[in-house]
Amino acid sequence: MIIIENTLISENIVDKKFVCDISKCKGECCVAGDAGAPLEEEEINIIEELYPEFKQYIPVEGIEAIEKYGLFVVDDDNEFLTPLVDGKHCAYVYFENDIAKCAIEKAYLENKISFRKPISCHLYPVRITKFKNIDAVNYHEWDVCKSACQLGEKLNVPVYKFLKEPLTRKYGEKWFKNLDEYIY
């Protein structure tokens, strides 16, 4: 384990290789699973405020799920999650050429909003578990990302390097620089 500031980092994010290969996985991480993506409490207000700006990219069934369940749901552990469409894919997903994509991110990429997408989505395959005084930063291994692991191996890109932007977004440039210096 690696300790940087208030984080306990799994060595898997250094040892494992990863580069998203969306042409092969088709965005399956937004579709598979039994729950929506984790949301941080401060993201709730952002999503509520920006919903009118990215709603236009959400298919009808996603809008219906949001109208039924709300812009977020709370699970049994009192964690905030994105709602699902019929217990399947994230309500914020739209499909383009059979690839699941994020409506929030589409609005961001078109410069309509300044929020890219929930940090848990941006960080995937890293998952963060919050404890009282420290965050556990762990690599989540999932079969749907097999092609990303293969591409990461081929290109020799460690998980943390692939995730430089979202890790910096979450913890800051100094944190990322300290992690990079610790490793090298």
Protein backbone atom coordinates (compact mmCIF):
# COMPACT_ATOMS: atom_id res chain seq x y z
CA MET A 1 0.00 0.00 0.00
CA ILE A 2 1.07 3.55 -0.72
CA ILE A 3 0.17 6.48 1.53
CA ILE A 4 -0.07 9.95 -0.02
CA GLU A 5 -1.66 12.67 2.11
CA ASN A 6 -5.04 11.33 3.28
CA THR A 7 -5.16 8.39 0.86
CA LEU A 8 -4.22 4.75 1.12
CA ILE A 9 -3.51 3.61 -2.43
CA SER A 10 -3.55 0.03 -3.65
CA GLU A 11 -0.38 -0.95 -5.48
CA ASN A 12 -2.65 -2.43 -8.17
CA ILE A 13 -3.14 1.05 -9.63
CA VAL A 14 0.60 1.07 -10.28
CA ASP A 15 1.10 -2.59 -11.23
CA LYS A 16 -1.98 -3.16 -13.39
CA LYS A 17 -2.15 -1.78 -16.91
CA PHE A 18 -5.27 -0.15 -18.34
CA VAL A 19 -6.41 1.92 -21.33
CA CYS A 20 -10.13 2.11 -22.10
CA ASP A 21 -10.95 0.37 -25.34
CA ILE A 22 -14.53 1.57 -25.77
CA SER A 23 -14.73 0.26 -29.33
CA LYS A 24 -14.51 -3.26 -27.88
CA CYS A 25 -16.32 -2.96 -24.52
CA LYS A 26 -19.03 -0.62 -25.88
CA GLY A 27 -19.17 1.31 -22.58
CA GLU A 28 -20.33 -1.75 -20.69
CA CYS A 29 -19.30 -0.21 -17.34
CA CYS A 30 -22.26 2.20 -17.74
CA VAL A 31 -24.62 -0.67 -18.51
CA ALA A 32 -23.63 -3.72 -16.46
CA GLY A 33 -23.96 -4.10 -12.72
CA ASP A 34 -26.78 -4.04 -10.21
CA ALA A 35 -26.61 -0.40 -9.10
CA GLY A 36 -25.96 3.05 -10.51
CA ALA A 37 -22.67 4.90 -10.30
CA PRO A 38 -21.68 6.30 -6.90
CA LEU A 39 -22.22 10.04 -6.48
CA GLU A 40 -20.50 12.33 -4.02
CA GLU A 41 -22.80 14.48 -1.92
CA GLU A 42 -21.59 17.71 -3.53
CA GLU A 43 -22.32 16.27 -6.98
CA ILE A 44 -26.04 16.06 -6.18
CA ASN A 45 -26.47 19.84 -6.25
CA ILE A 46 -24.37 20.12 -9.41
CA ILE A 47 -26.48 17.51 -11.22
CA GLU A 48 -29.72 19.14 -10.02
CA GLU A 49 -28.54 22.53 -11.25
CA LEU A 50 -27.21 21.33 -14.61
CA TYR A 51 -29.90 18.77 -15.46
CA PRO A 52 -31.77 21.18 -17.79
CA GLU A 53 -28.52 21.65 -19.75
CA PHE A 54 -27.82 17.95 -20.38
CA LYS A 55 -31.36 16.53 -20.33
CA GLN A 56 -31.58 16.93 -24.13
CA TYR A 57 -28.99 14.15 -24.56
CA ILE A 58 -30.82 11.62 -22.39
CA PRO A 59 -33.11 9.15 -24.22
CA VAL A 60 -36.80 9.01 -23.27
CA GLU A 61 -36.40 5.91 -21.09
CA GLY A 62 -33.65 7.65 -19.08
CA ILE A 63 -35.81 10.73 -18.55
CA GLU A 64 -38.70 8.49 -17.47
CA ALA A 65 -36.42 6.74 -14.93
CA ILE A 66 -35.27 10.12 -13.59
CA GLU A 67 -38.87 11.30 -13.32
CA LYS A 68 -39.78 8.09 -11.49
CA TYR A 69 -36.78 7.78 -9.14
CA GLY A 70 -35.24 11.26 -9.12
CA LEU A 71 -31.87 12.55 -10.29
CA PHE A 72 -30.21 10.23 -7.76
CA VAL A 73 -31.20 7.34 -5.51
CA VAL A 74 -30.02 6.34 -2.04
CA ASP A 75 -29.02 2.72 -1.46
CA ASP A 76 -29.25 0.62 1.72
CA ASP A 77 -25.88 1.99 2.89
CA ASN A 78 -27.12 5.60 2.51
CA GLU A 79 -24.86 6.09 -0.51
CA PHE A 80 -25.97 8.29 -3.40
CA LEU A 81 -26.15 6.58 -6.81
CA THR A 82 -27.28 7.43 -10.32
CA PRO A 83 -30.73 5.99 -11.09
CA LEU A 84 -31.08 3.04 -13.45
CA VAL A 85 -33.39 2.40 -16.38
CA ASP A 86 -35.45 -0.70 -15.52
CA GLY A 87 -32.66 -1.94 -13.22
CA LYS A 88 -30.24 -1.99 -16.15
CA HIS A 89 -28.11 0.89 -17.44
CA CYS A 90 -27.51 4.30 -15.90
CA ALA A 91 -30.32 6.77 -16.59
CA TYR A 92 -27.74 9.29 -17.86
CA VAL A 93 -26.60 6.97 -20.67
CA TYR A 94 -27.34 7.49 -24.33
CA PHE A 95 -26.21 5.14 -27.09
CA GLU A 96 -24.22 6.15 -30.13
CA ASN A 97 -23.26 3.41 -32.62
CA ASP A 98 -24.17 0.83 -29.95
CA ILE A 99 -21.69 2.41 -27.50
CA ALA A 100 -22.97 3.59 -24.11
CA LYS A 101 -21.96 7.20 -23.48
CA CYS A 102 -22.68 9.76 -20.79
CA ALA A 103 -25.17 12.57 -21.47
CA ILE A 104 -23.53 14.72 -18.81
CA GLU A 105 -20.14 14.32 -20.45
CA LYS A 106 -21.60 15.07 -23.88
CA ALA A 107 -22.87 18.45 -22.63
CA TYR A 108 -19.43 19.06 -21.07
CA LEU A 109 -17.59 18.20 -24.30
CA GLU A 110 -19.89 20.54 -26.19
CA ASN A 111 -18.98 23.34 -23.71
CA LYS A 112 -22.55 23.60 -22.40
CA ILE A 113 -21.58 22.83 -18.79
CA SER A 114 -18.36 22.91 -16.74
CA PHE A 115 -18.95 19.59 -14.90
CA ARG A 116 -17.55 16.61 -16.81
CA LYS A 117 -19.37 13.73 -15.12
CA PRO A 118 -19.51 12.10 -11.68
CA ILE A 119 -16.00 11.56 -10.35
CA SER A 120 -16.67 7.84 -9.76
CA CYS A 121 -17.35 7.46 -13.49
CA HIS A 122 -14.32 9.54 -14.47
CA LEU A 123 -12.09 7.50 -12.15
CA TYR A 124 -13.25 4.05 -13.22
CA PRO A 125 -11.68 1.41 -12.83
CA VAL A 126 -10.53 3.03 -9.61
CA ARG A 127 -13.03 2.98 -6.77
CA ILE A 128 -12.69 5.06 -3.63
CA THR A 129 -13.86 3.91 -0.22
CA LYS A 130 -14.13 6.74 2.27
CA PHE A 131 -13.21 6.16 5.88
CA LYS A 132 -13.23 8.68 8.71
CA ASN A 133 -9.81 10.24 8.02
CA ILE A 134 -8.58 8.49 4.89
CA ASP A 135 -9.70 7.41 1.43
CA ALA A 136 -8.85 3.92 0.20
CA VAL A 137 -8.01 4.17 -3.52
CA ASN A 138 -8.43 0.75 -5.08
CA TYR A 139 -8.39 -0.82 -8.51
CA HIS A 140 -11.67 -2.57 -9.35
CA GLU A 141 -11.14 -5.55 -11.60
CA TRP A 142 -14.15 -6.41 -13.76
CA ASP A 143 -14.50 -8.74 -16.75
CA VAL A 144 -16.13 -6.01 -18.85
CA CYS A 145 -12.77 -4.21 -18.85
CA LYS A 146 -10.76 -7.16 -20.17
CA SER A 147 -10.05 -5.38 -23.47
CA ALA A 148 -8.88 -2.27 -21.57
CA CYS A 149 -6.44 -4.40 -19.57
CA GLN A 150 -5.14 -5.99 -22.76
CA LEU A 151 -4.68 -2.61 -24.45
CA GLY A 152 -3.03 -1.23 -21.30
CA GLU A 153 -0.58 -4.15 -21.32
CA LYS A 154 0.14 -3.66 -25.02
CA LEU A 155 0.77 0.08 -24.53
CA ASN A 156 2.39 -0.40 -21.07
CA VAL A 157 0.18 2.21 -19.36
CA PRO A 158 -0.35 1.79 -15.61
CA VAL A 159 -3.88 2.44 -14.29
CA TYR A 160 -2.80 5.58 -12.42
CA LYS A 161 -1.18 7.08 -15.55
CA PHE A 162 -4.30 6.40 -17.60
CA LEU A 163 -6.31 8.11 -14.87
CA LYS A 164 -4.04 11.13 -14.39
CA GLU A 165 -6.79 13.64 -15.25
CA PRO A 166 -9.50 12.27 -12.93
CA LEU A 167 -7.04 11.51 -10.10
CA THR A 168 -5.79 15.09 -10.36
CA ARG A 169 -9.38 16.33 -10.46
CA LYS A 170 -10.14 14.39 -7.28
CA TYR A 171 -6.98 14.95 -5.22
CA GLY A 172 -5.07 17.78 -6.92
CA GLU A 173 -1.86 18.22 -8.91
CA LYS A 174 0.39 18.06 -5.85
CA TRP A 175 -1.13 14.74 -4.80
CA PHE A 176 -0.62 13.25 -8.28
CA LYS A 177 2.93 14.56 -8.48
CA ASN A 178 3.70 13.03 -5.06
CA LEU A 179 2.29 9.69 -6.20
CA ASP A 180 4.28 9.79 -9.44
CA GLU A 181 7.50 10.70 -7.56
CA TYR A 182 6.90 7.94 -5.02
CA ILE A 183 6.59 5.39 -7.81
CA TYR A 184 9.62 6.63 -9.79
